[in-house]
């Protein structure tokens, strides 16, 4: 899929900027704080044992590197998804217009996800995986990541993309339902037998409730 921009259009916000994603950041900051306390305690014990300031400072010097690697590898801190003001991810009130969902590809371009659900497909030529339509032709959307299509974090990101698409379609009056999206995604990843957040118990989305509210049921 051609086109796309390296910056988001006005009115679009990244998923990680939304209040919905705040628990992931809180969990990361909590882990960083706990790690700092642990490493500081270890450095103090090491200094007490050998009385060598340089050696005892090594754990504290390594900590930023380890935390940066942890940050980079945390898939839910880097969800390549953006929605507009009418999307239920951003607002719970009735939308005032059509909703849009965008995704960032591996080259940094943001593109509109268009119609239909998506899934991952291995890219044997470039390596990593592509984002394709979940249809009979597996229509190519774009190169998604340098990681394998079996990567657990990428699978969770795609589950989130499909739920964002399902909620967008509900706002826009499309026929496709979240239940159909769950059935397709469950056949591919098995993740939707549980909450899409899986191990992230601090936050859950109940898409059916949001859709019912949008439809006035």
N, C-alpha and C. Protein backbone atom coordinates (compact mmCIF):
# COMPACT_ATOMS: atom_id res chain seq x y z
N UNK A 1 0.85 -1.20 0.00
CA UNK A 1 0.00 0.00 0.00
C UNK A 1 0.88 1.24 0.00
N UNK A 2 0.68 2.10 -0.99
CA UNK A 2 1.49 3.29 -1.11
C UNK A 2 0.85 4.44 -0.35
N UNK A 3 1.60 5.55 -0.30
CA UNK A 3 1.10 6.72 0.39
C UNK A 3 1.47 6.71 1.85
N UNK A 4 0.81 7.57 2.60
CA UNK A 4 1.11 7.65 4.02
C UNK A 4 2.05 8.80 4.32
N UNK A 5 2.04 9.23 5.55
CA UNK A 5 2.88 10.32 6.00
C UNK A 5 3.66 9.90 7.24
N UNK A 6 4.79 10.55 7.46
CA UNK A 6 5.60 10.23 8.63
C UNK A 6 5.10 10.96 9.88
N UNK A 7 4.16 11.87 9.71
CA UNK A 7 3.54 12.54 10.85
C UNK A 7 2.03 12.35 10.75
N UNK A 8 1.38 12.31 11.92
CA UNK A 8 -0.05 12.08 11.95
C UNK A 8 -0.83 13.33 11.52
N UNK A 9 -1.95 13.13 10.83
CA UNK A 9 -2.81 14.28 10.51
C UNK A 9 -3.36 14.91 11.78
N UNK A 10 -3.79 16.15 11.64
CA UNK A 10 -4.39 16.86 12.77
C UNK A 10 -5.64 16.12 13.23
N UNK A 11 -5.78 16.01 14.54
CA UNK A 11 -6.95 15.35 15.11
C UNK A 11 -6.75 13.89 15.44
N UNK A 12 -5.64 13.31 14.99
CA UNK A 12 -5.35 11.92 15.30
C UNK A 12 -4.40 11.85 16.50
N UNK A 13 -4.63 10.88 17.37
CA UNK A 13 -3.77 10.71 18.54
C UNK A 13 -3.32 9.27 18.65
N UNK A 14 -2.05 9.09 19.02
CA UNK A 14 -1.52 7.74 19.18
C UNK A 14 -2.18 7.05 20.37
N UNK A 15 -2.29 5.74 20.25
CA UNK A 15 -2.89 4.95 21.32
C UNK A 15 -2.18 5.19 22.65
N UNK A 16 -0.86 5.28 22.63
CA UNK A 16 -0.11 5.42 23.87
C UNK A 16 -0.24 6.80 24.51
N UNK A 17 -0.91 7.72 23.83
CA UNK A 17 -1.20 9.03 24.41
C UNK A 17 -2.57 9.06 25.07
N UNK A 18 -3.34 8.01 24.90
CA UNK A 18 -4.70 7.97 25.43
C UNK A 18 -4.69 7.52 26.89
N UNK A 19 -5.73 7.90 27.62
CA UNK A 19 -5.85 7.48 29.01
C UNK A 19 -6.00 5.96 29.10
N UNK A 20 -6.50 5.34 28.05
CA UNK A 20 -6.66 3.89 28.00
C UNK A 20 -5.34 3.15 28.15
N UNK A 21 -4.27 3.78 27.67
CA UNK A 21 -2.95 3.13 27.70
C UNK A 21 -2.13 3.51 28.94
N UNK A 22 -2.66 4.39 29.78
CA UNK A 22 -1.90 4.87 30.93
C UNK A 22 -1.45 3.76 31.88
N UNK A 23 -2.26 2.72 32.12
CA UNK A 23 -1.78 1.65 33.02
C UNK A 23 -0.50 0.99 32.57
N UNK A 24 -0.26 0.92 31.26
CA UNK A 24 0.99 0.32 30.79
C UNK A 24 2.19 1.17 31.17
N UNK A 25 2.02 2.50 31.06
CA UNK A 25 3.10 3.40 31.44
C UNK A 25 3.32 3.35 32.95
N UNK A 26 2.23 3.29 33.71
CA UNK A 26 2.35 3.21 35.16
C UNK A 26 3.07 1.94 35.57
N UNK A 27 2.73 0.84 34.91
CA UNK A 27 3.42 -0.42 35.21
C UNK A 27 4.90 -0.34 34.90
N UNK A 28 5.24 0.31 33.79
CA UNK A 28 6.65 0.46 33.42
C UNK A 28 7.39 1.32 34.43
N UNK A 29 6.79 2.45 34.82
CA UNK A 29 7.43 3.34 35.80
C UNK A 29 7.59 2.62 37.14
N UNK A 30 6.60 1.85 37.53
CA UNK A 30 6.69 1.07 38.78
C UNK A 30 7.83 0.08 38.72
N UNK A 31 7.96 -0.61 37.58
CA UNK A 31 9.05 -1.57 37.41
C UNK A 31 10.40 -0.86 37.46
N UNK A 32 10.49 0.33 36.86
CA UNK A 32 11.74 1.09 36.88
C UNK A 32 12.10 1.50 38.31
N UNK A 33 11.11 1.96 39.06
CA UNK A 33 11.35 2.37 40.44
C UNK A 33 11.82 1.20 41.30
N UNK A 34 11.15 0.06 41.13
CA UNK A 34 11.54 -1.12 41.88
C UNK A 34 12.95 -1.57 41.51
N UNK A 35 13.27 -1.50 40.23
CA UNK A 35 14.60 -1.89 39.78
C UNK A 35 15.67 -0.95 40.33
N UNK A 36 15.36 0.34 40.38
CA UNK A 36 16.30 1.31 40.92
C UNK A 36 16.59 1.03 42.39
N UNK A 37 15.55 0.75 43.17
CA UNK A 37 15.72 0.43 44.58
C UNK A 37 16.55 -0.84 44.75
N UNK A 38 16.24 -1.84 43.94
CA UNK A 38 16.96 -3.11 44.03
C UNK A 38 18.43 -2.96 43.68
N UNK A 39 18.70 -2.26 42.58
CA UNK A 39 20.10 -2.09 42.15
C UNK A 39 20.86 -1.19 43.11
N UNK A 40 20.18 -0.17 43.66
CA UNK A 40 20.85 0.70 44.63
C UNK A 40 21.21 -0.08 45.89
N UNK A 41 20.30 -0.94 46.32
CA UNK A 41 20.59 -1.77 47.49
C UNK A 41 21.74 -2.72 47.23
N UNK A 42 21.78 -3.30 46.04
CA UNK A 42 22.87 -4.21 45.69
C UNK A 42 24.20 -3.46 45.62
N UNK A 43 24.17 -2.24 45.06
CA UNK A 43 25.39 -1.43 44.97
C UNK A 43 25.90 -1.07 46.37
N UNK A 44 24.99 -0.76 47.27
CA UNK A 44 25.39 -0.42 48.65
C UNK A 44 26.00 -1.63 49.35
N UNK A 45 25.39 -2.81 49.17
CA UNK A 45 25.93 -4.03 49.76
C UNK A 45 27.30 -4.36 49.18
N UNK A 46 27.46 -4.14 47.88
CA UNK A 46 28.74 -4.42 47.23
C UNK A 46 29.81 -3.46 47.74
N UNK A 47 29.42 -2.19 47.91
CA UNK A 47 30.38 -1.21 48.42
C UNK A 47 30.79 -1.52 49.86
N UNK A 48 29.83 -1.99 50.66
CA UNK A 48 30.13 -2.34 52.05
C UNK A 48 31.06 -3.55 52.12
N UNK A 49 30.93 -4.45 51.15
CA UNK A 49 31.71 -5.67 51.17
C UNK A 49 33.14 -5.45 50.69
N UNK A 50 33.32 -4.68 49.63
CA UNK A 50 34.66 -4.55 49.03
C UNK A 50 35.23 -3.14 49.17
N UNK A 51 34.39 -2.18 49.58
CA UNK A 51 34.83 -0.79 49.77
C UNK A 51 35.54 -0.25 48.54
N UNK A 52 34.96 -0.54 47.40
CA UNK A 52 35.49 -0.03 46.13
C UNK A 52 34.37 0.70 45.42
N UNK A 53 34.47 2.03 45.37
CA UNK A 53 33.39 2.84 44.83
C UNK A 53 33.14 2.56 43.36
N UNK A 54 34.21 2.38 42.59
CA UNK A 54 34.05 2.17 41.15
C UNK A 54 33.32 0.86 40.86
N UNK A 55 33.74 -0.22 41.53
CA UNK A 55 33.12 -1.52 41.30
C UNK A 55 31.67 -1.52 41.77
N UNK A 56 31.43 -0.91 42.92
CA UNK A 56 30.06 -0.90 43.46
C UNK A 56 29.12 -0.04 42.63
N UNK A 57 29.66 0.86 41.81
CA UNK A 57 28.82 1.72 40.98
C UNK A 57 28.41 1.03 39.68
N UNK A 58 29.03 -0.10 39.37
CA UNK A 58 28.73 -0.81 38.11
C UNK A 58 27.24 -1.16 37.97
N UNK A 59 26.59 -1.71 39.01
CA UNK A 59 25.15 -2.02 38.86
C UNK A 59 24.31 -0.81 38.49
N UNK A 60 24.62 0.35 39.08
CA UNK A 60 23.85 1.55 38.78
C UNK A 60 24.13 2.05 37.37
N UNK A 61 25.34 1.79 36.86
CA UNK A 61 25.67 2.19 35.50
C UNK A 61 24.98 1.29 34.47
N UNK A 62 24.79 0.03 34.85
CA UNK A 62 24.13 -0.91 33.94
C UNK A 62 22.62 -0.75 33.92
N UNK A 63 22.07 -0.20 34.99
CA UNK A 63 20.61 -0.10 35.11
C UNK A 63 19.96 0.67 33.97
N UNK A 64 20.44 1.86 33.57
CA UNK A 64 19.79 2.57 32.45
C UNK A 64 19.75 1.76 31.16
N UNK A 65 20.82 1.01 30.91
CA UNK A 65 20.87 0.19 29.70
C UNK A 65 19.80 -0.90 29.74
N UNK A 66 19.68 -1.55 30.90
CA UNK A 66 18.69 -2.61 31.05
C UNK A 66 17.26 -2.06 30.96
N UNK A 67 17.03 -0.91 31.56
CA UNK A 67 15.69 -0.31 31.51
C UNK A 67 15.34 0.13 30.10
N UNK A 68 16.32 0.63 29.35
CA UNK A 68 16.07 1.04 27.97
C UNK A 68 15.71 -0.16 27.11
N UNK A 69 16.42 -1.27 27.30
CA UNK A 69 16.11 -2.49 26.56
C UNK A 69 14.71 -3.00 26.92
N UNK A 70 14.36 -2.90 28.19
CA UNK A 70 13.04 -3.32 28.64
C UNK A 70 11.97 -2.44 28.00
N UNK A 71 12.22 -1.14 27.94
CA UNK A 71 11.28 -0.21 27.33
C UNK A 71 11.09 -0.51 25.84
N UNK A 72 12.20 -0.76 25.16
CA UNK A 72 12.14 -1.02 23.73
C UNK A 72 11.42 -2.33 23.41
N UNK A 73 11.51 -3.29 24.31
CA UNK A 73 10.92 -4.60 24.05
C UNK A 73 9.48 -4.73 24.54
N UNK A 74 8.96 -3.69 25.19
CA UNK A 74 7.59 -3.73 25.72
C UNK A 74 6.60 -3.34 24.63
N UNK A 75 5.93 -4.32 24.06
CA UNK A 75 5.08 -4.09 22.89
C UNK A 75 3.94 -3.12 23.18
N UNK A 76 3.37 -3.16 24.38
CA UNK A 76 2.22 -2.32 24.68
C UNK A 76 2.61 -0.88 24.99
N UNK A 77 3.90 -0.59 25.02
CA UNK A 77 4.36 0.79 25.13
C UNK A 77 4.63 1.39 23.75
N UNK A 78 4.50 0.58 22.71
CA UNK A 78 4.81 1.04 21.35
C UNK A 78 3.76 0.55 20.37
N UNK A 79 2.51 0.70 20.72
CA UNK A 79 1.44 0.25 19.83
C UNK A 79 1.34 1.21 18.64
N UNK A 80 1.54 0.71 17.41
CA UNK A 80 1.55 1.60 16.23
C UNK A 80 0.14 1.91 15.74
N UNK A 81 -0.67 2.47 16.61
CA UNK A 81 -2.08 2.72 16.33
C UNK A 81 -2.43 4.15 16.68
N UNK A 82 -3.27 4.76 15.85
CA UNK A 82 -3.77 6.10 16.14
C UNK A 82 -5.25 6.17 15.79
N UNK A 83 -6.01 6.92 16.59
CA UNK A 83 -7.45 7.08 16.36
C UNK A 83 -7.80 8.56 16.43
N UNK A 84 -9.00 8.88 15.94
CA UNK A 84 -9.43 10.27 15.97
C UNK A 84 -10.40 10.52 17.12
N UNK A 85 -10.92 11.74 17.18
CA UNK A 85 -11.75 12.15 18.30
C UNK A 85 -13.09 11.41 18.37
N UNK A 86 -13.52 10.80 17.28
CA UNK A 86 -14.79 10.10 17.27
C UNK A 86 -14.68 8.63 17.65
N UNK A 87 -13.50 8.17 17.87
CA UNK A 87 -13.31 6.74 18.17
C UNK A 87 -13.58 6.47 19.65
N UNK A 88 -14.24 5.35 19.99
CA UNK A 88 -14.53 5.03 21.40
C UNK A 88 -13.28 4.89 22.27
N UNK A 89 -12.12 4.61 21.70
CA UNK A 89 -10.90 4.58 22.49
C UNK A 89 -10.61 5.94 23.11
N UNK A 90 -11.09 7.01 22.45
CA UNK A 90 -10.77 8.34 22.91
C UNK A 90 -11.93 8.99 23.66
N UNK A 91 -13.15 8.67 23.28
CA UNK A 91 -14.29 9.33 23.88
C UNK A 91 -15.40 8.31 24.11
N UNK A 92 -16.11 8.43 25.23
CA UNK A 92 -17.21 7.52 25.53
C UNK A 92 -18.56 8.10 25.12
N UNK A 93 -18.61 9.38 24.87
CA UNK A 93 -19.86 10.01 24.46
C UNK A 93 -20.18 9.66 23.01
N UNK A 94 -21.36 10.01 22.57
CA UNK A 94 -21.76 9.74 21.20
C UNK A 94 -20.86 10.51 20.23
N UNK A 95 -20.36 9.85 19.18
CA UNK A 95 -19.48 10.52 18.22
C UNK A 95 -20.25 11.56 17.42
N UNK A 96 -19.54 12.53 16.89
CA UNK A 96 -20.17 13.59 16.11
C UNK A 96 -19.91 13.42 14.62
N UNK A 97 -19.22 12.34 14.24
CA UNK A 97 -18.93 12.12 12.83
C UNK A 97 -18.27 10.77 12.63
N UNK A 98 -17.77 10.57 11.43
CA UNK A 98 -17.09 9.33 11.09
C UNK A 98 -15.78 9.20 11.86
N UNK A 99 -15.40 7.94 12.11
CA UNK A 99 -14.17 7.66 12.85
C UNK A 99 -13.13 7.05 11.91
N UNK A 100 -11.87 7.30 12.20
CA UNK A 100 -10.76 6.78 11.41
C UNK A 100 -9.75 6.09 12.31
N UNK A 101 -9.08 5.09 11.76
CA UNK A 101 -8.02 4.37 12.46
C UNK A 101 -6.80 4.31 11.55
N UNK A 102 -5.63 4.63 12.10
CA UNK A 102 -4.39 4.60 11.32
C UNK A 102 -3.37 3.70 11.99
N UNK A 103 -2.44 3.19 11.20
CA UNK A 103 -1.38 2.32 11.71
C UNK A 103 -0.04 2.82 11.18
N UNK A 104 0.99 2.65 11.99
CA UNK A 104 2.34 3.03 11.56
C UNK A 104 3.08 1.79 11.07
N UNK A 105 3.59 1.84 9.87
CA UNK A 105 4.33 0.73 9.30
C UNK A 105 5.79 0.77 9.75
N UNK A 106 6.56 -0.23 9.35
CA UNK A 106 7.94 -0.34 9.83
C UNK A 106 8.83 0.79 9.35
N UNK A 107 8.47 1.45 8.24
CA UNK A 107 9.27 2.56 7.73
C UNK A 107 8.88 3.89 8.35
N UNK A 108 7.95 3.86 9.32
CA UNK A 108 7.56 5.09 10.02
C UNK A 108 6.37 5.81 9.41
N UNK A 109 5.86 5.34 8.28
CA UNK A 109 4.71 5.99 7.65
C UNK A 109 3.41 5.61 8.34
N UNK A 110 2.54 6.60 8.51
CA UNK A 110 1.19 6.37 9.04
C UNK A 110 0.23 6.28 7.87
N UNK A 111 -0.57 5.19 7.84
CA UNK A 111 -1.56 5.03 6.79
C UNK A 111 -2.92 4.71 7.40
N UNK A 112 -3.97 5.05 6.67
CA UNK A 112 -5.32 4.69 7.10
C UNK A 112 -5.49 3.19 6.93
N UNK A 113 -6.07 2.52 7.92
CA UNK A 113 -6.21 1.06 7.86
C UNK A 113 -7.30 0.61 6.90
N UNK A 114 -8.16 1.50 6.49
CA UNK A 114 -9.16 1.13 5.51
C UNK A 114 -10.17 0.13 6.04
N UNK A 115 -10.80 -0.60 5.13
CA UNK A 115 -11.88 -1.52 5.49
C UNK A 115 -11.35 -2.94 5.65
N UNK A 116 -11.93 -3.65 6.59
CA UNK A 116 -11.58 -5.05 6.80
C UNK A 116 -10.54 -5.24 7.88
N UNK A 117 -10.58 -6.41 8.51
CA UNK A 117 -9.64 -6.72 9.57
C UNK A 117 -8.27 -7.06 8.99
N UNK A 118 -7.28 -7.13 9.87
CA UNK A 118 -5.91 -7.38 9.43
C UNK A 118 -5.31 -8.54 10.21
N UNK A 119 -4.21 -9.07 9.69
CA UNK A 119 -3.48 -10.14 10.35
C UNK A 119 -2.02 -10.04 9.93
N UNK A 120 -1.16 -10.84 10.57
CA UNK A 120 0.26 -10.84 10.25
C UNK A 120 0.58 -11.94 9.25
N UNK A 121 1.57 -11.69 8.40
CA UNK A 121 2.05 -12.69 7.45
C UNK A 121 3.57 -12.55 7.35
N UNK A 122 4.26 -13.65 7.40
CA UNK A 122 5.71 -13.63 7.33
C UNK A 122 6.18 -13.08 5.99
N UNK A 123 7.22 -12.24 6.02
CA UNK A 123 7.81 -11.69 4.79
C UNK A 123 9.13 -12.41 4.54
N UNK A 124 9.13 -13.34 3.60
CA UNK A 124 10.32 -14.15 3.33
C UNK A 124 11.38 -13.38 2.56
N UNK A 125 11.00 -12.28 1.93
CA UNK A 125 11.95 -11.51 1.13
C UNK A 125 12.70 -10.48 1.98
N UNK A 126 11.96 -9.65 2.70
CA UNK A 126 12.57 -8.59 3.50
C UNK A 126 12.87 -9.04 4.93
N UNK A 127 12.24 -10.13 5.36
CA UNK A 127 12.35 -10.54 6.75
C UNK A 127 11.29 -9.85 7.58
N UNK A 128 11.06 -10.34 8.76
CA UNK A 128 10.02 -9.77 9.60
C UNK A 128 8.65 -10.19 9.11
N UNK A 129 7.68 -9.30 9.26
CA UNK A 129 6.32 -9.66 8.88
C UNK A 129 5.59 -8.47 8.26
N UNK A 130 4.59 -8.81 7.47
CA UNK A 130 3.72 -7.83 6.83
C UNK A 130 2.37 -7.79 7.51
N UNK A 131 1.68 -6.69 7.31
CA UNK A 131 0.29 -6.57 7.71
C UNK A 131 -0.54 -6.79 6.45
N UNK A 132 -1.46 -7.74 6.50
CA UNK A 132 -2.30 -8.06 5.34
C UNK A 132 -3.76 -8.07 5.77
N UNK A 133 -4.66 -7.95 4.78
CA UNK A 133 -6.08 -8.04 5.05
C UNK A 133 -6.45 -9.47 5.42
N UNK A 134 -7.37 -9.60 6.33
CA UNK A 134 -7.85 -10.93 6.71
C UNK A 134 -8.98 -11.32 5.76
N UNK A 135 -8.62 -11.53 4.49
CA UNK A 135 -9.58 -11.93 3.48
C UNK A 135 -9.01 -13.09 2.68
N UNK A 136 -9.72 -13.52 1.67
CA UNK A 136 -9.29 -14.68 0.89
C UNK A 136 -7.99 -14.43 0.15
N UNK A 137 -7.72 -13.17 -0.21
CA UNK A 137 -6.52 -12.84 -0.98
C UNK A 137 -5.35 -12.38 -0.12
N UNK A 138 -5.59 -12.17 1.17
CA UNK A 138 -4.57 -11.64 2.06
C UNK A 138 -3.92 -10.38 1.45
N UNK A 139 -4.77 -9.44 1.11
CA UNK A 139 -4.32 -8.21 0.46
C UNK A 139 -3.24 -7.51 1.29
N UNK A 140 -2.15 -7.16 0.64
CA UNK A 140 -1.00 -6.54 1.30
C UNK A 140 -1.33 -5.14 1.77
N UNK A 141 -1.03 -4.85 3.04
CA UNK A 141 -1.21 -3.51 3.60
C UNK A 141 0.12 -2.79 3.69
N UNK A 142 1.12 -3.45 4.26
CA UNK A 142 2.45 -2.85 4.38
C UNK A 142 3.34 -3.70 5.26
N UNK A 143 4.63 -3.40 5.21
CA UNK A 143 5.58 -4.12 6.08
C UNK A 143 5.42 -3.59 7.50
N UNK A 144 5.13 -4.50 8.42
CA UNK A 144 4.73 -4.09 9.77
C UNK A 144 5.89 -4.03 10.76
N UNK A 145 6.76 -5.05 10.75
CA UNK A 145 7.81 -5.11 11.76
C UNK A 145 8.95 -6.01 11.28
N UNK A 146 10.14 -5.76 11.84
CA UNK A 146 11.29 -6.62 11.57
C UNK A 146 11.22 -7.90 12.38
N UNK A 147 10.29 -7.97 13.34
CA UNK A 147 10.13 -9.16 14.15
C UNK A 147 9.29 -10.19 13.42
N UNK A 148 9.38 -11.44 13.88
CA UNK A 148 8.63 -12.52 13.25
C UNK A 148 7.13 -12.38 13.50
N UNK A 149 6.35 -12.95 12.61
CA UNK A 149 4.89 -12.91 12.76
C UNK A 149 4.41 -13.72 13.96
N UNK A 150 5.29 -14.56 14.50
CA UNK A 150 4.92 -15.35 15.68
C UNK A 150 5.25 -14.63 16.99
N UNK A 151 5.81 -13.43 16.90
CA UNK A 151 6.19 -12.67 18.10
C UNK A 151 4.95 -12.36 18.94
N UNK A 152 5.00 -12.71 20.21
CA UNK A 152 3.86 -12.56 21.10
C UNK A 152 3.38 -11.11 21.20
N UNK A 153 4.31 -10.18 21.30
CA UNK A 153 3.94 -8.77 21.42
C UNK A 153 3.25 -8.25 20.17
N UNK A 154 3.71 -8.66 18.98
CA UNK A 154 3.07 -8.22 17.75
C UNK A 154 1.66 -8.77 17.63
N UNK A 155 1.45 -10.00 18.09
CA UNK A 155 0.12 -10.58 18.05
C UNK A 155 -0.85 -9.77 18.91
N UNK A 156 -0.38 -9.34 20.07
CA UNK A 156 -1.25 -8.54 20.94
C UNK A 156 -1.55 -7.18 20.29
N UNK A 157 -0.56 -6.62 19.58
CA UNK A 157 -0.80 -5.36 18.89
C UNK A 157 -1.86 -5.51 17.80
N UNK A 158 -1.81 -6.62 17.06
CA UNK A 158 -2.77 -6.84 15.99
C UNK A 158 -4.17 -7.08 16.55
N UNK A 159 -4.26 -7.77 17.68
CA UNK A 159 -5.56 -7.91 18.34
C UNK A 159 -6.14 -6.54 18.65
N UNK A 160 -5.30 -5.65 19.14
CA UNK A 160 -5.75 -4.30 19.47
C UNK A 160 -6.16 -3.54 18.21
N UNK A 161 -5.39 -3.70 17.13
CA UNK A 161 -5.74 -3.05 15.87
C UNK A 161 -7.12 -3.49 15.40
N UNK A 162 -7.39 -4.79 15.49
CA UNK A 162 -8.68 -5.30 15.02
C UNK A 162 -9.83 -4.86 15.91
N UNK A 163 -9.59 -4.73 17.19
CA UNK A 163 -10.66 -4.22 18.05
C UNK A 163 -10.92 -2.74 17.78
N UNK A 164 -9.85 -2.00 17.49
CA UNK A 164 -10.02 -0.59 17.11
C UNK A 164 -10.82 -0.48 15.82
N UNK A 165 -10.56 -1.37 14.87
CA UNK A 165 -11.30 -1.37 13.60
C UNK A 165 -12.77 -1.73 13.82
N UNK A 166 -13.02 -2.72 14.68
CA UNK A 166 -14.39 -3.12 14.95
C UNK A 166 -15.20 -1.99 15.58
N UNK A 167 -14.59 -1.28 16.53
CA UNK A 167 -15.27 -0.15 17.17
C UNK A 167 -15.45 1.00 16.19
N UNK A 168 -14.47 1.21 15.33
CA UNK A 168 -14.63 2.25 14.29
C UNK A 168 -15.80 1.92 13.38
N UNK A 169 -15.91 0.65 12.97
CA UNK A 169 -17.00 0.25 12.08
C UNK A 169 -18.36 0.43 12.77
N UNK A 170 -18.40 0.19 14.09
CA UNK A 170 -19.65 0.40 14.82
C UNK A 170 -20.05 1.87 14.79
N UNK A 171 -19.07 2.76 14.96
CA UNK A 171 -19.34 4.20 14.90
C UNK A 171 -19.81 4.60 13.51
N UNK A 172 -19.18 4.01 12.48
CA UNK A 172 -19.47 4.39 11.10
C UNK A 172 -20.67 3.64 10.50
N UNK A 173 -21.29 2.73 11.31
CA UNK A 173 -22.46 2.02 10.83
C UNK A 173 -22.17 0.88 9.89
N UNK A 174 -20.93 0.33 9.95
CA UNK A 174 -20.59 -0.81 9.11
C UNK A 174 -21.25 -2.07 9.65
N UNK A 175 -21.40 -3.06 8.78
CA UNK A 175 -22.08 -4.30 9.15
C UNK A 175 -21.21 -5.23 9.98
N UNK A 176 -19.90 -5.24 9.70
CA UNK A 176 -19.03 -6.20 10.38
C UNK A 176 -19.05 -5.95 11.88
N UNK A 177 -19.11 -7.01 12.68
CA UNK A 177 -19.23 -6.88 14.12
C UNK A 177 -17.99 -7.31 14.83
N UNK A 178 -17.87 -6.91 16.10
CA UNK A 178 -16.73 -7.29 16.91
C UNK A 178 -16.70 -8.80 17.14
N UNK A 179 -17.89 -9.43 17.16
CA UNK A 179 -17.92 -10.87 17.36
C UNK A 179 -17.27 -11.60 16.19
N UNK A 180 -17.53 -11.12 14.95
CA UNK A 180 -16.90 -11.73 13.79
C UNK A 180 -15.40 -11.52 13.82
N UNK A 181 -14.98 -10.34 14.25
CA UNK A 181 -13.55 -10.07 14.34
C UNK A 181 -12.90 -10.99 15.36
N UNK A 182 -13.58 -11.22 16.48
CA UNK A 182 -13.04 -12.09 17.51
C UNK A 182 -12.90 -13.52 17.00
N UNK A 183 -13.89 -13.98 16.21
CA UNK A 183 -13.83 -15.34 15.71
C UNK A 183 -12.65 -15.52 14.77
N UNK A 184 -12.43 -14.56 13.87
CA UNK A 184 -11.31 -14.66 12.94
C UNK A 184 -9.98 -14.59 13.67
N UNK A 185 -9.87 -13.62 14.58
CA UNK A 185 -8.61 -13.46 15.29
C UNK A 185 -8.33 -14.65 16.19
N UNK A 186 -9.38 -15.23 16.78
CA UNK A 186 -9.20 -16.38 17.64
C UNK A 186 -8.68 -17.58 16.86
N UNK A 187 -9.09 -17.73 15.59
CA UNK A 187 -8.60 -18.82 14.77
C UNK A 187 -7.12 -18.68 14.49
N UNK A 188 -6.63 -17.44 14.46
CA UNK A 188 -5.23 -17.21 14.10
C UNK A 188 -4.31 -17.18 15.29
N UNK A 189 -4.74 -16.57 16.40
CA UNK A 189 -3.83 -16.36 17.52
C UNK A 189 -4.27 -17.01 18.81
N UNK A 190 -5.57 -17.22 18.98
CA UNK A 190 -6.07 -17.78 20.22
C UNK A 190 -6.09 -16.78 21.36
N UNK A 191 -5.70 -15.53 21.11
CA UNK A 191 -5.60 -14.55 22.18
C UNK A 191 -6.97 -14.07 22.65
N UNK A 192 -7.96 -14.13 21.78
CA UNK A 192 -9.24 -13.54 22.12
C UNK A 192 -10.13 -14.45 22.93
N UNK A 193 -9.61 -15.60 23.34
CA UNK A 193 -10.35 -16.41 24.31
C UNK A 193 -10.32 -15.74 25.67
N UNK A 194 -9.41 -14.77 25.81
CA UNK A 194 -9.30 -14.01 27.04
C UNK A 194 -9.49 -12.54 26.70
N UNK A 195 -9.32 -11.68 27.69
CA UNK A 195 -9.31 -10.24 27.43
C UNK A 195 -8.18 -9.93 26.49
N UNK A 196 -8.35 -8.92 25.60
CA UNK A 196 -7.27 -8.60 24.67
C UNK A 196 -6.03 -8.14 25.39
N UNK A 197 -6.15 -7.70 26.62
CA UNK A 197 -4.99 -7.29 27.38
C UNK A 197 -4.25 -8.48 27.98
N UNK A 198 -4.85 -9.65 27.94
CA UNK A 198 -4.27 -10.90 28.40
C UNK A 198 -3.73 -10.76 29.81
N UNK A 199 -2.41 -10.59 29.97
CA UNK A 199 -1.81 -10.55 31.29
C UNK A 199 -1.92 -9.18 31.94
N UNK A 200 -2.37 -8.18 31.19
CA UNK A 200 -2.47 -6.84 31.72
C UNK A 200 -3.81 -6.69 32.42
N UNK A 201 -3.89 -7.14 33.67
CA UNK A 201 -5.17 -7.17 34.38
C UNK A 201 -5.61 -5.80 34.86
N UNK A 202 -4.74 -4.80 34.71
CA UNK A 202 -5.06 -3.49 35.25
C UNK A 202 -6.05 -2.73 34.38
N UNK A 203 -6.32 -3.24 33.16
CA UNK A 203 -7.22 -2.51 32.29
C UNK A 203 -7.91 -3.49 31.36
N UNK A 204 -9.19 -3.31 31.12
CA UNK A 204 -9.93 -4.14 30.20
C UNK A 204 -10.84 -3.26 29.38
N UNK A 205 -11.10 -3.70 28.16
CA UNK A 205 -12.08 -3.04 27.32
C UNK A 205 -13.19 -4.03 27.06
N UNK A 206 -14.42 -3.59 27.16
CA UNK A 206 -15.55 -4.43 26.81
C UNK A 206 -16.16 -3.85 25.55
N UNK A 207 -15.66 -4.26 24.37
CA UNK A 207 -16.13 -3.66 23.12
C UNK A 207 -17.62 -3.79 22.91
N UNK A 208 -18.22 -4.92 23.33
CA UNK A 208 -19.65 -5.07 23.11
C UNK A 208 -20.43 -3.98 23.82
N UNK A 209 -20.02 -3.62 25.04
CA UNK A 209 -20.70 -2.57 25.77
C UNK A 209 -20.57 -1.22 25.09
N UNK A 210 -19.40 -0.94 24.55
CA UNK A 210 -19.20 0.31 23.83
C UNK A 210 -20.07 0.35 22.58
N UNK A 211 -20.12 -0.78 21.86
CA UNK A 211 -20.91 -0.81 20.63
C UNK A 211 -22.38 -0.63 20.95
N UNK A 212 -22.86 -1.30 22.01
CA UNK A 212 -24.26 -1.17 22.40
C UNK A 212 -24.59 0.27 22.74
N UNK A 213 -23.68 0.94 23.44
CA UNK A 213 -23.90 2.35 23.78
C UNK A 213 -23.98 3.21 22.52
N UNK A 214 -23.09 2.92 21.55
CA UNK A 214 -23.07 3.69 20.31
C UNK A 214 -24.36 3.52 19.52
N UNK A 215 -24.93 2.28 19.61
CA UNK A 215 -26.15 2.00 18.86
C UNK A 215 -27.41 2.35 19.62
N UNK A 216 -27.23 2.82 20.89
CA UNK A 216 -28.37 3.22 21.69
C UNK A 216 -29.18 2.08 22.23
N UNK A 217 -28.56 0.88 22.37
CA UNK A 217 -29.28 -0.27 22.89
C UNK A 217 -29.35 -0.23 24.39
